[in-house]
Amino acid sequence: MRSLITAATNKVESYHGFSKWFGFGGFGIIAHNDPIEQEKMIKYNDLIANAVIFHNVVDLTDILRDLKRDGYLIAREDVASLSPYMTSHIKRFGDYLIDLDTVPQTLDEIGAFVLT
């Protein structure tokens, strides 16, 4: 029971550390006393963190699919040890171009990814 609680706590703390990394302005301190502004800051930060998690999972899935196509054996245990909380490839102070004209492939177009 203790190991299950520790594992769950570690996942939550990993997410908190990950999302805090995106709230770098103001050292994570909410400077407003207005509850509406506080709620906005928390929700916007979670929105950004969740968008990056989604992007990381898409990238990891593409890489795993390529490795499998190249003949590598991928076990569930290996995938279970991966984390979507990566930040090393994120440029917090960079310029980002958003291409709204390019539509991502659907899961049907990409093909199913089955683990061994």
N, C-alpha and C. Protein backbone atom coordinates (compact mmCIF):
# COMPACT_ATOMS: atom_id res chain seq x y z
N MET A 1 0.83 -1.18 0.00
CA MET A 1 0.00 0.00 0.00
C MET A 1 0.88 1.26 0.00
N ARG A 2 1.93 1.22 0.80
CA ARG A 2 2.82 2.37 0.90
C ARG A 2 3.49 2.66 -0.44
N SER A 3 3.89 1.62 -1.16
CA SER A 3 4.55 1.85 -2.45
C SER A 3 3.58 2.44 -3.48
N LEU A 4 2.31 2.05 -3.44
CA LEU A 4 1.31 2.63 -4.34
C LEU A 4 1.09 4.11 -4.04
N ILE A 5 1.01 4.45 -2.77
CA ILE A 5 0.83 5.84 -2.38
C ILE A 5 2.05 6.67 -2.77
N THR A 6 3.23 6.13 -2.57
CA THR A 6 4.46 6.84 -2.95
C THR A 6 4.52 7.04 -4.45
N ALA A 7 4.17 6.03 -5.22
CA ALA A 7 4.19 6.14 -6.68
C ALA A 7 3.21 7.21 -7.15
N ALA A 8 2.02 7.23 -6.60
CA ALA A 8 1.02 8.24 -6.98
C ALA A 8 1.48 9.63 -6.58
N THR A 9 2.05 9.76 -5.39
CA THR A 9 2.56 11.05 -4.94
C THR A 9 3.68 11.55 -5.83
N ASN A 10 4.56 10.65 -6.24
CA ASN A 10 5.65 11.04 -7.12
C ASN A 10 5.14 11.55 -8.47
N LYS A 11 4.10 10.92 -9.00
CA LYS A 11 3.52 11.38 -10.27
C LYS A 11 2.94 12.78 -10.12
N VAL A 12 2.23 13.01 -9.04
CA VAL A 12 1.63 14.33 -8.82
C VAL A 12 2.72 15.38 -8.63
N GLU A 13 3.73 15.07 -7.86
CA GLU A 13 4.82 16.02 -7.64
C GLU A 13 5.60 16.29 -8.93
N SER A 14 5.74 15.27 -9.76
CA SER A 14 6.40 15.47 -11.06
C SER A 14 5.61 16.44 -11.91
N TYR A 15 4.29 16.29 -11.92
CA TYR A 15 3.46 17.22 -12.68
C TYR A 15 3.58 18.63 -12.12
N HIS A 16 3.55 18.77 -10.80
CA HIS A 16 3.66 20.10 -10.20
C HIS A 16 4.98 20.77 -10.56
N GLY A 17 6.07 20.01 -10.52
CA GLY A 17 7.37 20.55 -10.91
C GLY A 17 7.39 20.94 -12.38
N PHE A 18 6.77 20.11 -13.20
CA PHE A 18 6.70 20.37 -14.64
C PHE A 18 5.90 21.65 -14.91
N SER A 19 4.72 21.75 -14.33
CA SER A 19 3.88 22.93 -14.58
C SER A 19 4.50 24.19 -13.97
N LYS A 20 5.19 24.04 -12.86
CA LYS A 20 5.85 25.20 -12.24
C LYS A 20 6.95 25.74 -13.14
N TRP A 21 7.59 24.86 -13.91
CA TRP A 21 8.65 25.27 -14.82
C TRP A 21 8.12 26.28 -15.83
N PHE A 22 6.84 26.17 -16.21
CA PHE A 22 6.25 27.10 -17.17
C PHE A 22 5.84 28.42 -16.53
N GLY A 23 5.65 28.43 -15.24
CA GLY A 23 5.29 29.66 -14.53
C GLY A 23 6.51 30.37 -14.01
N PHE A 24 7.48 30.62 -14.89
CA PHE A 24 8.78 31.14 -14.46
C PHE A 24 8.73 32.62 -14.10
N GLY A 25 7.76 33.37 -14.61
CA GLY A 25 7.69 34.80 -14.29
C GLY A 25 7.20 35.01 -12.88
N GLY A 26 7.87 35.83 -12.12
CA GLY A 26 7.44 36.12 -10.75
C GLY A 26 7.79 35.02 -9.77
N PHE A 27 8.65 34.10 -10.17
CA PHE A 27 9.12 33.02 -9.29
C PHE A 27 7.97 32.18 -8.75
N GLY A 28 6.89 32.05 -9.54
CA GLY A 28 5.77 31.22 -9.14
C GLY A 28 4.87 31.85 -8.10
N ILE A 29 5.09 33.13 -7.81
CA ILE A 29 4.29 33.83 -6.80
C ILE A 29 3.11 34.50 -7.50
N ILE A 30 1.92 34.29 -6.99
CA ILE A 30 0.73 34.96 -7.54
C ILE A 30 0.63 36.31 -6.84
N ALA A 31 0.86 37.36 -7.62
CA ALA A 31 0.97 38.69 -7.04
C ALA A 31 -0.38 39.38 -6.85
N HIS A 32 -1.44 38.83 -7.40
CA HIS A 32 -2.74 39.47 -7.30
C HIS A 32 -3.54 38.91 -6.14
N ASN A 33 -4.28 39.77 -5.48
CA ASN A 33 -5.18 39.32 -4.42
C ASN A 33 -6.57 39.03 -4.96
N ASP A 34 -6.76 39.29 -6.24
CA ASP A 34 -8.06 39.06 -6.86
C ASP A 34 -8.21 37.57 -7.17
N PRO A 35 -9.21 36.90 -6.58
CA PRO A 35 -9.37 35.46 -6.80
C PRO A 35 -9.58 35.09 -8.27
N ILE A 36 -10.21 35.95 -9.03
CA ILE A 36 -10.44 35.67 -10.45
C ILE A 36 -9.10 35.67 -11.20
N GLU A 37 -8.24 36.64 -10.90
CA GLU A 37 -6.92 36.69 -11.54
C GLU A 37 -6.05 35.52 -11.11
N GLN A 38 -6.16 35.11 -9.86
CA GLN A 38 -5.42 33.95 -9.37
C GLN A 38 -5.86 32.68 -10.10
N GLU A 39 -7.16 32.53 -10.25
CA GLU A 39 -7.68 31.36 -10.94
C GLU A 39 -7.24 31.35 -12.40
N LYS A 40 -7.24 32.52 -13.05
CA LYS A 40 -6.78 32.62 -14.45
C LYS A 40 -5.33 32.17 -14.57
N MET A 41 -4.47 32.67 -13.68
CA MET A 41 -3.05 32.32 -13.74
C MET A 41 -2.85 30.81 -13.61
N ILE A 42 -3.57 30.19 -12.70
CA ILE A 42 -3.44 28.74 -12.48
C ILE A 42 -3.97 27.98 -13.69
N LYS A 43 -5.12 28.38 -14.21
CA LYS A 43 -5.71 27.67 -15.35
C LYS A 43 -4.87 27.85 -16.61
N TYR A 44 -4.36 29.05 -16.85
CA TYR A 44 -3.52 29.28 -18.04
C TYR A 44 -2.24 28.47 -17.95
N ASN A 45 -1.67 28.40 -16.76
CA ASN A 45 -0.45 27.62 -16.58
C ASN A 45 -0.73 26.14 -16.83
N ASP A 46 -1.85 25.63 -16.32
CA ASP A 46 -2.22 24.23 -16.55
C ASP A 46 -2.50 23.98 -18.02
N LEU A 47 -3.11 24.95 -18.70
CA LEU A 47 -3.38 24.80 -20.13
C LEU A 47 -2.08 24.65 -20.92
N ILE A 48 -1.09 25.48 -20.61
CA ILE A 48 0.20 25.38 -21.29
C ILE A 48 0.88 24.06 -20.97
N ALA A 49 0.87 23.68 -19.70
CA ALA A 49 1.50 22.41 -19.31
C ALA A 49 0.84 21.23 -20.01
N ASN A 50 -0.48 21.22 -20.08
CA ASN A 50 -1.18 20.12 -20.75
C ASN A 50 -0.93 20.10 -22.24
N ALA A 51 -0.81 21.27 -22.87
CA ALA A 51 -0.50 21.32 -24.30
C ALA A 51 0.89 20.74 -24.56
N VAL A 52 1.85 21.05 -23.71
CA VAL A 52 3.21 20.51 -23.88
C VAL A 52 3.22 19.01 -23.60
N ILE A 53 2.47 18.55 -22.62
CA ILE A 53 2.38 17.11 -22.35
C ILE A 53 1.82 16.41 -23.58
N PHE A 54 0.77 16.96 -24.17
CA PHE A 54 0.18 16.37 -25.37
C PHE A 54 1.21 16.32 -26.50
N HIS A 55 1.92 17.41 -26.69
CA HIS A 55 2.95 17.45 -27.75
C HIS A 55 4.05 16.43 -27.48
N ASN A 56 4.48 16.31 -26.23
CA ASN A 56 5.51 15.34 -25.88
C ASN A 56 5.04 13.91 -26.16
N VAL A 57 3.78 13.61 -25.84
CA VAL A 57 3.26 12.26 -26.07
C VAL A 57 3.18 11.98 -27.57
N VAL A 58 2.77 12.96 -28.36
CA VAL A 58 2.74 12.78 -29.81
C VAL A 58 4.15 12.51 -30.34
N ASP A 59 5.12 13.30 -29.87
CA ASP A 59 6.51 13.09 -30.31
C ASP A 59 7.03 11.72 -29.89
N LEU A 60 6.77 11.32 -28.63
CA LEU A 60 7.21 10.01 -28.16
C LEU A 60 6.56 8.89 -28.97
N THR A 61 5.29 9.04 -29.30
CA THR A 61 4.59 8.04 -30.09
C THR A 61 5.20 7.91 -31.48
N ASP A 62 5.52 9.04 -32.09
CA ASP A 62 6.16 9.02 -33.41
C ASP A 62 7.51 8.30 -33.35
N ILE A 63 8.28 8.60 -32.32
CA ILE A 63 9.61 7.98 -32.18
C ILE A 63 9.47 6.47 -31.95
N LEU A 64 8.56 6.08 -31.06
CA LEU A 64 8.35 4.66 -30.80
C LEU A 64 7.87 3.93 -32.05
N ARG A 65 7.00 4.56 -32.81
CA ARG A 65 6.50 3.96 -34.05
C ARG A 65 7.65 3.77 -35.04
N ASP A 66 8.52 4.78 -35.16
CA ASP A 66 9.67 4.68 -36.06
C ASP A 66 10.62 3.57 -35.62
N LEU A 67 10.86 3.47 -34.31
CA LEU A 67 11.74 2.42 -33.80
C LEU A 67 11.15 1.03 -34.08
N LYS A 68 9.85 0.90 -33.88
CA LYS A 68 9.20 -0.38 -34.13
C LYS A 68 9.27 -0.73 -35.62
N ARG A 69 9.04 0.27 -36.47
CA ARG A 69 9.10 0.05 -37.92
C ARG A 69 10.52 -0.38 -38.34
N ASP A 70 11.53 0.14 -37.63
CA ASP A 70 12.92 -0.21 -37.94
C ASP A 70 13.34 -1.54 -37.34
N GLY A 71 12.41 -2.23 -36.67
CA GLY A 71 12.70 -3.57 -36.18
C GLY A 71 13.05 -3.67 -34.70
N TYR A 72 13.03 -2.57 -33.98
CA TYR A 72 13.32 -2.63 -32.54
C TYR A 72 12.12 -3.20 -31.80
N LEU A 73 12.42 -4.00 -30.79
CA LEU A 73 11.37 -4.57 -29.94
C LEU A 73 11.08 -3.57 -28.82
N ILE A 74 9.83 -3.20 -28.66
CA ILE A 74 9.45 -2.24 -27.63
C ILE A 74 8.50 -2.92 -26.67
N ALA A 75 8.92 -3.00 -25.42
CA ALA A 75 8.12 -3.67 -24.39
C ALA A 75 7.29 -2.65 -23.62
N ARG A 76 6.17 -3.10 -23.09
CA ARG A 76 5.31 -2.22 -22.29
C ARG A 76 6.07 -1.62 -21.10
N GLU A 77 6.94 -2.40 -20.50
CA GLU A 77 7.71 -1.92 -19.34
C GLU A 77 8.60 -0.74 -19.73
N ASP A 78 9.15 -0.79 -20.93
CA ASP A 78 9.99 0.32 -21.40
C ASP A 78 9.17 1.58 -21.59
N VAL A 79 8.01 1.43 -22.20
CA VAL A 79 7.14 2.59 -22.45
C VAL A 79 6.60 3.14 -21.12
N ALA A 80 6.34 2.25 -20.18
CA ALA A 80 5.81 2.68 -18.88
C ALA A 80 6.81 3.55 -18.12
N SER A 81 8.09 3.41 -18.43
CA SER A 81 9.10 4.21 -17.72
C SER A 81 9.31 5.59 -18.35
N LEU A 82 8.69 5.84 -19.50
CA LEU A 82 8.81 7.15 -20.15
C LEU A 82 7.91 8.16 -19.45
N SER A 83 8.33 9.41 -19.50
CA SER A 83 7.56 10.48 -18.87
C SER A 83 7.24 11.57 -19.88
N PRO A 84 6.02 12.09 -19.86
CA PRO A 84 5.69 13.19 -20.76
C PRO A 84 6.09 14.55 -20.20
N TYR A 85 6.80 14.56 -19.07
CA TYR A 85 7.16 15.82 -18.40
C TYR A 85 8.55 16.30 -18.79
N MET A 86 8.88 16.23 -20.06
CA MET A 86 10.20 16.66 -20.53
C MET A 86 10.16 18.15 -20.87
N THR A 87 11.23 18.86 -20.53
CA THR A 87 11.30 20.30 -20.83
C THR A 87 12.57 20.70 -21.55
N SER A 88 13.51 19.77 -21.72
CA SER A 88 14.81 20.15 -22.29
C SER A 88 14.72 20.67 -23.71
N HIS A 89 13.68 20.32 -24.44
CA HIS A 89 13.53 20.76 -25.82
C HIS A 89 12.66 22.02 -25.96
N ILE A 90 12.22 22.58 -24.85
CA ILE A 90 11.35 23.75 -24.86
C ILE A 90 12.19 25.02 -24.72
N LYS A 91 11.95 25.99 -25.59
CA LYS A 91 12.60 27.30 -25.48
C LYS A 91 11.61 28.25 -24.82
N ARG A 92 11.77 28.46 -23.54
CA ARG A 92 10.82 29.32 -22.83
C ARG A 92 10.85 30.76 -23.33
N PHE A 93 12.00 31.22 -23.77
CA PHE A 93 12.12 32.61 -24.19
C PHE A 93 12.23 32.73 -25.70
N GLY A 94 11.78 31.73 -26.42
CA GLY A 94 11.91 31.72 -27.88
C GLY A 94 10.69 32.29 -28.58
N ASP A 95 10.83 32.46 -29.88
CA ASP A 95 9.72 32.86 -30.73
C ASP A 95 9.08 31.60 -31.27
N TYR A 96 7.78 31.57 -31.28
CA TYR A 96 7.06 30.40 -31.76
C TYR A 96 6.16 30.79 -32.93
N LEU A 97 6.29 30.05 -34.00
CA LEU A 97 5.43 30.25 -35.16
C LEU A 97 4.37 29.17 -35.14
N ILE A 98 3.14 29.57 -35.25
CA ILE A 98 2.03 28.63 -35.23
C ILE A 98 1.44 28.56 -36.62
N ASP A 99 1.47 27.38 -37.21
CA ASP A 99 0.93 27.17 -38.54
C ASP A 99 -0.50 26.65 -38.40
N LEU A 100 -1.45 27.53 -38.59
CA LEU A 100 -2.86 27.15 -38.44
C LEU A 100 -3.42 26.50 -39.70
N ASP A 101 -2.64 26.50 -40.77
CA ASP A 101 -3.11 25.91 -42.03
C ASP A 101 -2.83 24.42 -42.14
N THR A 102 -1.81 23.93 -41.43
CA THR A 102 -1.46 22.52 -41.48
C THR A 102 -2.27 21.74 -40.46
N VAL A 103 -3.00 20.77 -40.95
CA VAL A 103 -3.83 19.94 -40.07
C VAL A 103 -3.04 18.67 -39.74
N PRO A 104 -2.91 18.34 -38.44
CA PRO A 104 -2.18 17.11 -38.08
C PRO A 104 -2.91 15.87 -38.58
N GLN A 105 -2.15 14.79 -38.74
CA GLN A 105 -2.74 13.53 -39.16
C GLN A 105 -3.65 12.99 -38.05
N THR A 106 -4.69 12.30 -38.47
CA THR A 106 -5.55 11.64 -37.49
C THR A 106 -4.91 10.31 -37.09
N LEU A 107 -5.41 9.72 -36.03
CA LEU A 107 -4.87 8.42 -35.59
C LEU A 107 -5.08 7.36 -36.66
N ASP A 108 -6.19 7.44 -37.40
CA ASP A 108 -6.45 6.46 -38.47
C ASP A 108 -5.41 6.59 -39.58
N GLU A 109 -5.01 7.82 -39.90
CA GLU A 109 -4.01 8.03 -40.95
C GLU A 109 -2.64 7.55 -40.52
N ILE A 110 -2.33 7.72 -39.24
CA ILE A 110 -1.02 7.34 -38.72
C ILE A 110 -0.90 5.83 -38.64
N GLY A 111 -1.97 5.15 -38.28
CA GLY A 111 -1.93 3.71 -38.09
C GLY A 111 -1.81 3.35 -36.63
N ALA A 112 -2.28 2.20 -36.29
CA ALA A 112 -2.28 1.77 -34.89
C ALA A 112 -0.86 1.46 -34.42
N PHE A 113 -0.59 1.76 -33.19
CA PHE A 113 0.68 1.44 -32.56
C PHE A 113 0.41 0.42 -31.47
N VAL A 114 0.88 -0.80 -31.67
CA VAL A 114 0.61 -1.88 -30.73
C VAL A 114 1.90 -2.27 -30.05
N LEU A 115 1.86 -2.36 -28.72
CA LEU A 115 3.03 -2.77 -27.94
C LEU A 115 3.09 -4.28 -27.87
N THR A 116 4.32 -4.78 -27.69
CA THR A 116 4.50 -6.21 -27.52
C THR A 116 4.44 -6.56 -26.05
